[in-house]
Amino acid sequence: MTKKWDSNSHDERVALLGFLDHQRGALRIATHGLTDEEARSTPSASTLSLAALINHAAAVERNWTNILRSAGKPNGPAEHVASFQPGEKTLEELLADYREAADVMDAAILAASDLDALVPVPAGVPWFPKDIEAWTVRWIVLHMIEETARHAGHADVIRESADGAQAVELRAAVEGWPEDGLVKPWRKLT
């Protein structure tokens, strides 16, 4: 897994995108080594599957990109609920779609004049505040980090419930870490 952004950068925008990309990676890593059927399973107390979370994350990225660009109507309750339904897409297709949505979001953040630029709060969305008129680009990026981290945590629980795989073991497998006595990279049991 290659690092797209440097979260240690002195450039705030690059640092924030680094943190966001790290959380996106954690969400993707939770699916490592799974079949389409396994990614659609709901092994925990939640009704969520990893496929549903990936599909939802892509929809959220697109929704916030549209808000950032003031383009189109933001998702309402029906679209929000539907985003948790991955349809017939394979896990590979869902992950590719998520990468594409993230790339478009990153481009929109980079195209913004600065992190303090104001973005109008869309009217008519029940969960958006009614007492403010605009967010900053910075607020949107921070919100995306928080939202993605929440879903990466959900993904960790779902994956561990499915087959016992833990986040650090999965990351070690994806990134090719050597076994060091502390961390053993995950391997699929046959």
C-alpha atoms as a PDB file:
ATOM      1  CA  MET A   1       0.000   0.000   0.000  1.00  0.00           C
ATOM      2  CA  THR A   2       1.599   3.235  -1.075  1.00  0.00           C
ATOM      3  CA  LYS A   3       1.306   6.437   0.912  1.00  0.00           C
ATOM      4  CA  LYS A   4      -0.460   9.071  -1.091  1.00  0.00           C
ATOM      5  CA  TRP A   5      -0.045  11.896   1.426  1.00  0.00           C
ATOM      6  CA  ASP A   6       2.415  12.778   4.173  1.00  0.00           C
ATOM      7  CA  SER A   7       0.628  13.306   7.493  1.00  0.00           C
ATOM      8  CA  ASN A   8       3.895  14.710   8.920  1.00  0.00           C
ATOM      9  CA  SER A   9       3.936  17.520   6.372  1.00  0.00           C
ATOM     10  CA  HIS A  10       4.227  21.136   7.500  1.00  0.00           C
ATOM     11  CA  ASP A  11       1.574  21.945   4.884  1.00  0.00           C
ATOM     12  CA  GLU A  12      -1.729  21.661   6.748  1.00  0.00           C
ATOM     13  CA  ARG A  13      -3.744  20.615   3.711  1.00  0.00           C
ATOM     14  CA  VAL A  14      -1.311  17.808   2.871  1.00  0.00           C
ATOM     15  CA  ALA A  15      -1.201  16.715   6.524  1.00  0.00           C
ATOM     16  CA  LEU A  16      -4.999  16.588   6.790  1.00  0.00           C
ATOM     17  CA  LEU A  17      -5.265  14.624   3.547  1.00  0.00           C
ATOM     18  CA  GLY A  18      -2.642  12.260   4.979  1.00  0.00           C
ATOM     19  CA  PHE A  19      -4.780  11.569   8.029  1.00  0.00           C
ATOM     20  CA  LEU A  20      -7.878  11.123   5.856  1.00  0.00           C
ATOM     21  CA  ASP A  21      -6.065   8.753   3.527  1.00  0.00           C
ATOM     22  CA  HIS A  22      -4.776   6.721   6.488  1.00  0.00           C
ATOM     23  CA  GLN A  23      -8.357   6.205   7.703  1.00  0.00           C
ATOM     24  CA  ARG A  24      -9.506   5.294   4.191  1.00  0.00           C
ATOM     25  CA  GLY A  25      -6.701   2.739   4.088  1.00  0.00           C
ATOM     26  CA  ALA A  26      -7.815   1.267   7.413  1.00  0.00           C
ATOM     27  CA  LEU A  27     -11.317   0.822   6.014  1.00  0.00           C
ATOM     28  CA  ARG A  28      -9.994  -0.830   2.833  1.00  0.00           C
ATOM     29  CA  ILE A  29      -7.557  -3.052   4.763  1.00  0.00           C
ATOM     30  CA  ALA A  30     -10.429  -4.533   6.743  1.00  0.00           C
ATOM     31  CA  THR A  31     -11.522  -6.250   3.515  1.00  0.00           C
ATOM     32  CA  HIS A  32      -8.098  -7.762   2.739  1.00  0.00           C
ATOM     33  CA  GLY A  33      -8.286 -11.385   1.648  1.00  0.00           C
ATOM     34  CA  LEU A  34     -12.075 -11.617   1.679  1.00  0.00           C
ATOM     35  CA  THR A  35     -14.304 -13.087  -0.985  1.00  0.00           C
ATOM     36  CA  ASP A  36     -17.343 -11.167  -2.211  1.00  0.00           C
ATOM     37  CA  GLU A  37     -19.562 -13.390  -0.077  1.00  0.00           C
ATOM     38  CA  GLU A  38     -17.438 -12.820   3.043  1.00  0.00           C
ATOM     39  CA  ALA A  39     -17.453  -9.053   2.453  1.00  0.00           C
ATOM     40  CA  ARG A  40     -21.281  -9.134   2.356  1.00  0.00           C
ATOM     41  CA  SER A  41     -21.628 -11.161   5.555  1.00  0.00           C
ATOM     42  CA  THR A  42     -22.910  -9.589   8.757  1.00  0.00           C
ATOM     43  CA  PRO A  43     -21.074 -11.571  11.469  1.00  0.00           C
ATOM     44  CA  SER A  44     -21.398  -9.041  14.301  1.00  0.00           C
ATOM     45  CA  ALA A  45     -24.385  -7.737  16.246  1.00  0.00           C
ATOM     46  CA  SER A  46     -24.614  -4.984  13.624  1.00  0.00           C
ATOM     47  CA  THR A  47     -26.535  -5.348  10.379  1.00  0.00           C
ATOM     48  CA  LEU A  48     -23.564  -3.786   8.565  1.00  0.00           C
ATOM     49  CA  SER A  49     -21.261  -5.673   6.239  1.00  0.00           C
ATOM     50  CA  LEU A  50     -17.855  -4.583   5.004  1.00  0.00           C
ATOM     51  CA  ALA A  51     -19.274  -4.292   1.481  1.00  0.00           C
ATOM     52  CA  ALA A  52     -22.005  -1.990   2.808  1.00  0.00           C
ATOM     53  CA  LEU A  53     -19.461   0.186   4.637  1.00  0.00           C
ATOM     54  CA  ILE A  54     -17.254   0.540   1.548  1.00  0.00           C
ATOM     55  CA  ASN A  55     -20.277   1.458  -0.593  1.00  0.00           C
ATOM     56  CA  HIS A  56     -21.458   3.952   2.028  1.00  0.00           C
ATOM     57  CA  ALA A  57     -17.985   5.501   2.348  1.00  0.00           C
ATOM     58  CA  ALA A  58     -17.852   6.094  -1.416  1.00  0.00           C
ATOM     59  CA  ALA A  59     -21.313   7.706  -1.325  1.00  0.00           C
ATOM     60  CA  VAL A  60     -20.274   9.929   1.594  1.00  0.00           C
ATOM     61  CA  GLU A  61     -17.115  11.045  -0.251  1.00  0.00           C
ATOM     62  CA  ARG A  62     -19.192  11.955  -3.313  1.00  0.00           C
ATOM     63  CA  ASN A  63     -21.833  13.725  -1.256  1.00  0.00           C
ATOM     64  CA  TRP A  64     -19.280  15.883   0.552  1.00  0.00           C
ATOM     65  CA  THR A  65     -17.421  16.561  -2.697  1.00  0.00           C
ATOM     66  CA  ASN A  66     -20.685  17.905  -4.149  1.00  0.00           C
ATOM     67  CA  ILE A  67     -21.209  20.026  -1.030  1.00  0.00           C
ATOM     68  CA  LEU A  68     -17.636  21.304  -1.242  1.00  0.00           C
ATOM     69  CA  ARG A  69     -18.129  22.229  -4.895  1.00  0.00           C
ATOM     70  CA  SER A  70     -21.663  23.536  -4.236  1.00  0.00           C
ATOM     71  CA  ALA A  71     -22.753  21.177  -7.010  1.00  0.00           C
ATOM     72  CA  GLY A  72     -26.060  19.376  -6.929  1.00  0.00           C
ATOM     73  CA  LYS A  73     -28.424  18.588  -4.128  1.00  0.00           C
ATOM     74  CA  PRO A  74     -26.877  16.764  -1.130  1.00  0.00           C
ATOM     75  CA  ASN A  75     -28.086  13.315  -0.172  1.00  0.00           C
ATOM     76  CA  GLY A  76     -31.222  13.173   1.899  1.00  0.00           C
ATOM     77  CA  PRO A  77     -32.514  10.387   4.158  1.00  0.00           C
ATOM     78  CA  ALA A  78     -33.482   7.999   1.328  1.00  0.00           C
ATOM     79  CA  GLU A  79     -30.088   8.275  -0.374  1.00  0.00           C
ATOM     80  CA  HIS A  80     -28.329   7.888   2.985  1.00  0.00           C
ATOM     81  CA  VAL A  81     -30.153   4.630   3.731  1.00  0.00           C
ATOM     82  CA  ALA A  82     -29.586   3.366   0.172  1.00  0.00           C
ATOM     83  CA  SER A  83     -25.836   3.993   0.450  1.00  0.00           C
ATOM     84  CA  PHE A  84     -25.590   1.013   2.809  1.00  0.00           C
ATOM     85  CA  GLN A  85     -26.837  -1.316   0.047  1.00  0.00           C
ATOM     86  CA  PRO A  86     -23.898  -2.412  -2.147  1.00  0.00           C
ATOM     87  CA  GLY A  87     -26.135  -3.889  -4.827  1.00  0.00           C
ATOM     88  CA  GLU A  88     -24.532  -6.474  -7.087  1.00  0.00           C
ATOM     89  CA  LYS A  89     -21.065  -4.903  -7.191  1.00  0.00           C
ATOM     90  CA  THR A  90     -18.128  -7.145  -6.382  1.00  0.00           C
ATOM     91  CA  LEU A  91     -15.762  -6.231  -3.567  1.00  0.00           C
ATOM     92  CA  GLU A  92     -13.166  -5.281  -6.167  1.00  0.00           C
ATOM     93  CA  GLU A  93     -15.665  -2.954  -7.877  1.00  0.00           C
ATOM     94  CA  LEU A  94     -16.696  -1.415  -4.556  1.00  0.00           C
ATOM     95  CA  LEU A  95     -13.066  -0.751  -3.600  1.00  0.00           C
ATOM     96  CA  ALA A  96     -12.311   0.770  -7.027  1.00  0.00           C
ATOM     97  CA  ASP A  97     -15.387   2.990  -6.733  1.00  0.00           C
ATOM     98  CA  TYR A  98     -14.287   4.084  -3.249  1.00  0.00           C
ATOM     99  CA  ARG A  99     -10.771   4.918  -4.534  1.00  0.00           C
ATOM    100  CA  GLU A 100     -12.286   6.958  -7.373  1.00  0.00           C
ATOM    101  CA  ALA A 101     -14.603   8.849  -5.009  1.00  0.00           C
ATOM    102  CA  ALA A 102     -11.668   9.561  -2.676  1.00  0.00           C
ATOM    103  CA  ASP A 103      -9.515  10.825  -5.562  1.00  0.00           C
ATOM    104  CA  VAL A 104     -12.279  13.204  -6.647  1.00  0.00           C
ATOM    105  CA  MET A 105     -12.699  14.442  -3.053  1.00  0.00           C
ATOM    106  CA  ASP A 106      -8.932  15.007  -2.751  1.00  0.00           C
ATOM    107  CA  ALA A 107      -8.918  16.976  -6.007  1.00  0.00           C
ATOM    108  CA  ALA A 108     -11.775  19.153  -4.753  1.00  0.00           C
ATOM    109  CA  ILE A 109      -9.948  19.842  -1.488  1.00  0.00           C
ATOM    110  CA  LEU A 110      -6.762  20.714  -3.353  1.00  0.00           C
ATOM    111  CA  ALA A 111      -8.690  22.963  -5.749  1.00  0.00           C
ATOM    112  CA  ALA A 112     -10.234  24.983  -2.929  1.00  0.00           C
ATOM    113  CA  SER A 113      -8.705  28.447  -2.602  1.00  0.00           C
ATOM    114  CA  ASP A 114      -7.680  27.707   0.992  1.00  0.00           C
ATOM    115  CA  LEU A 115      -8.802  25.751   4.036  1.00  0.00           C
ATOM    116  CA  ASP A 116     -10.606  28.801   5.432  1.00  0.00           C
ATOM    117  CA  ALA A 117     -12.765  29.178   2.321  1.00  0.00           C
ATOM    118  CA  LEU A 118     -16.449  29.098   3.186  1.00  0.00           C
ATOM    119  CA  VAL A 119     -18.761  26.408   1.835  1.00  0.00           C
ATOM    120  CA  PRO A 120     -22.509  27.053   2.168  1.00  0.00           C
ATOM    121  CA  VAL A 121     -24.426  24.638   4.386  1.00  0.00           C
ATOM    122  CA  PRO A 122     -27.071  23.098   2.120  1.00  0.00           C
ATOM    123  CA  ALA A 123     -30.634  23.807   3.192  1.00  0.00           C
ATOM    124  CA  GLY A 124     -33.222  21.115   3.705  1.00  0.00           C
ATOM    125  CA  VAL A 125     -30.980  18.319   5.018  1.00  0.00           C
ATOM    126  CA  PRO A 126     -32.535  17.244   8.341  1.00  0.00           C
ATOM    127  CA  TRP A 127     -29.254  16.516  10.143  1.00  0.00           C
ATOM    128  CA  PHE A 128     -27.423  19.674   9.037  1.00  0.00           C
ATOM    129  CA  PRO A 129     -27.418  22.612  11.464  1.00  0.00           C
ATOM    130  CA  LYS A 130     -29.874  25.382  10.843  1.00  0.00           C
ATOM    131  CA  ASP A 131     -27.996  27.998  12.868  1.00  0.00           C
ATOM    132  CA  ILE A 132     -24.946  28.414  10.602  1.00  0.00           C
ATOM    133  CA  GLU A 133     -24.684  29.438   6.981  1.00  0.00           C
ATOM    134  CA  ALA A 134     -21.318  27.964   6.010  1.00  0.00           C
ATOM    135  CA  TRP A 135     -18.586  25.527   6.938  1.00  0.00           C
ATOM    136  CA  THR A 136     -14.944  25.974   6.082  1.00  0.00           C
ATOM    137  CA  VAL A 137     -13.114  23.594   3.787  1.00  0.00           C
ATOM    138  CA  ARG A 138     -11.023  22.668   6.864  1.00  0.00           C
ATOM    139  CA  TRP A 139     -14.178  21.679   8.756  1.00  0.00           C
ATOM    140  CA  ILE A 140     -15.257  19.437   5.874  1.00  0.00           C
ATOM    141  CA  VAL A 141     -11.864  17.692   5.760  1.00  0.00           C
ATOM    142  CA  LEU A 142     -11.887  17.201   9.543  1.00  0.00           C
ATOM    143  CA  HIS A 143     -15.433  15.873   9.338  1.00  0.00           C
ATOM    144  CA  MET A 144     -14.364  13.414   6.629  1.00  0.00           C
ATOM    145  CA  ILE A 145     -11.480  12.200   8.819  1.00  0.00           C
ATOM    146  CA  GLU A 146     -13.887  11.691  11.730  1.00  0.00           C
ATOM    147  CA  GLU A 147     -16.572  10.002   9.610  1.00  0.00           C
ATOM    148  CA  THR A 148     -14.088   7.679   7.909  1.00  0.00           C
ATOM    149  CA  ALA A 149     -12.394   6.791  11.208  1.00  0.00           C
ATOM    150  CA  ARG A 150     -15.787   5.877  12.704  1.00  0.00           C
ATOM    151  CA  HIS A 151     -16.481   3.509   9.816  1.00  0.00           C
ATOM    152  CA  ALA A 152     -12.950   2.082   9.919  1.00  0.00           C
ATOM    153  CA  GLY A 153     -13.664   1.183  13.559  1.00  0.00           C
ATOM    154  CA  HIS A 154     -16.934  -0.457  12.538  1.00  0.00           C
ATOM    155  CA  ALA A 155     -15.009  -2.373   9.876  1.00  0.00           C
ATOM    156  CA  ASP A 156     -12.470  -3.612  12.441  1.00  0.00           C
ATOM    157  CA  VAL A 157     -15.244  -5.041  14.619  1.00  0.00           C
ATOM    158  CA  ILE A 158     -17.032  -6.655  11.678  1.00  0.00           C
ATOM    159  CA  ARG A 159     -13.829  -8.224  10.356  1.00  0.00           C
ATOM    160  CA  GLU A 160     -12.702  -9.507  13.742  1.00  0.00           C
ATOM    161  CA  SER A 161     -16.183 -10.967  14.284  1.00  0.00           C
ATOM    162  CA  ALA A 162     -15.977 -12.695  10.891  1.00  0.00           C
ATOM    163  CA  ASP A 163     -12.644 -14.495  11.189  1.00  0.00           C
ATOM    164  CA  GLY A 164     -10.662 -13.080  14.095  1.00  0.00           C
ATOM    165  CA  ALA A 165      -8.403 -10.964  11.872  1.00  0.00           C
ATOM    166  CA  GLN A 166      -7.232  -7.842  13.659  1.00  0.00           C
ATOM    167  CA  ALA A 167      -6.411  -4.501  12.057  1.00  0.00           C
ATOM    168  CA  VAL A 168      -2.681  -4.534  12.784  1.00  0.00           C
ATOM    169  CA  GLU A 169      -2.298  -8.100  11.428  1.00  0.00           C
ATOM    170  CA  LEU A 170      -4.175  -7.142   8.271  1.00  0.00           C
ATOM    171  CA  ARG A 171      -2.078  -3.984   7.801  1.00  0.00           C
ATOM    172  CA  ALA A 172       1.089  -6.046   8.308  1.00  0.00           C
ATOM    173  CA  ALA A 173      -0.055  -8.463   5.590  1.00  0.00           C
ATOM    174  CA  VAL A 174      -1.034  -5.710   3.147  1.00  0.00           C
ATOM    175  CA  GLU A 175       2.168  -3.729   3.701  1.00  0.00           C
ATOM    176  CA  GLY A 176       4.458  -6.785   3.796  1.00  0.00           C
ATOM    177  CA  TRP A 177       5.791  -6.347   7.327  1.00  0.00           C
ATOM    178  CA  PRO A 178       8.183  -9.080   8.480  1.00  0.00           C
ATOM    179  CA  GLU A 179       7.013 -11.266  11.331  1.00  0.00           C
ATOM    180  CA  ASP A 180       8.781  -9.873  14.379  1.00  0.00           C
ATOM    181  CA  GLY A 181       7.429 -11.771  17.372  1.00  0.00           C
ATOM    182  CA  LEU A 182       5.070  -8.922  18.218  1.00  0.00           C
ATOM    183  CA  VAL A 183       3.042  -8.709  15.013  1.00  0.00           C
ATOM    184  CA  LYS A 184       2.291 -11.669  12.817  1.00  0.00           C
ATOM    185  CA  PRO A 185       0.960 -10.679   9.385  1.00  0.00           C
ATOM    186  CA  TRP A 186      -2.489 -12.144   8.735  1.00  0.00           C
ATOM    187  CA  ARG A 187      -2.714 -15.186   6.479  1.00  0.00           C
ATOM    188  CA  LYS A 188      -5.908 -16.762   5.247  1.00  0.00           C
ATOM    189  CA  LEU A 189      -6.492 -20.168   6.777  1.00  0.00           C
ATOM    190  CA  THR A 190      -7.023 -22.857   4.219  1.00  0.00           C
END
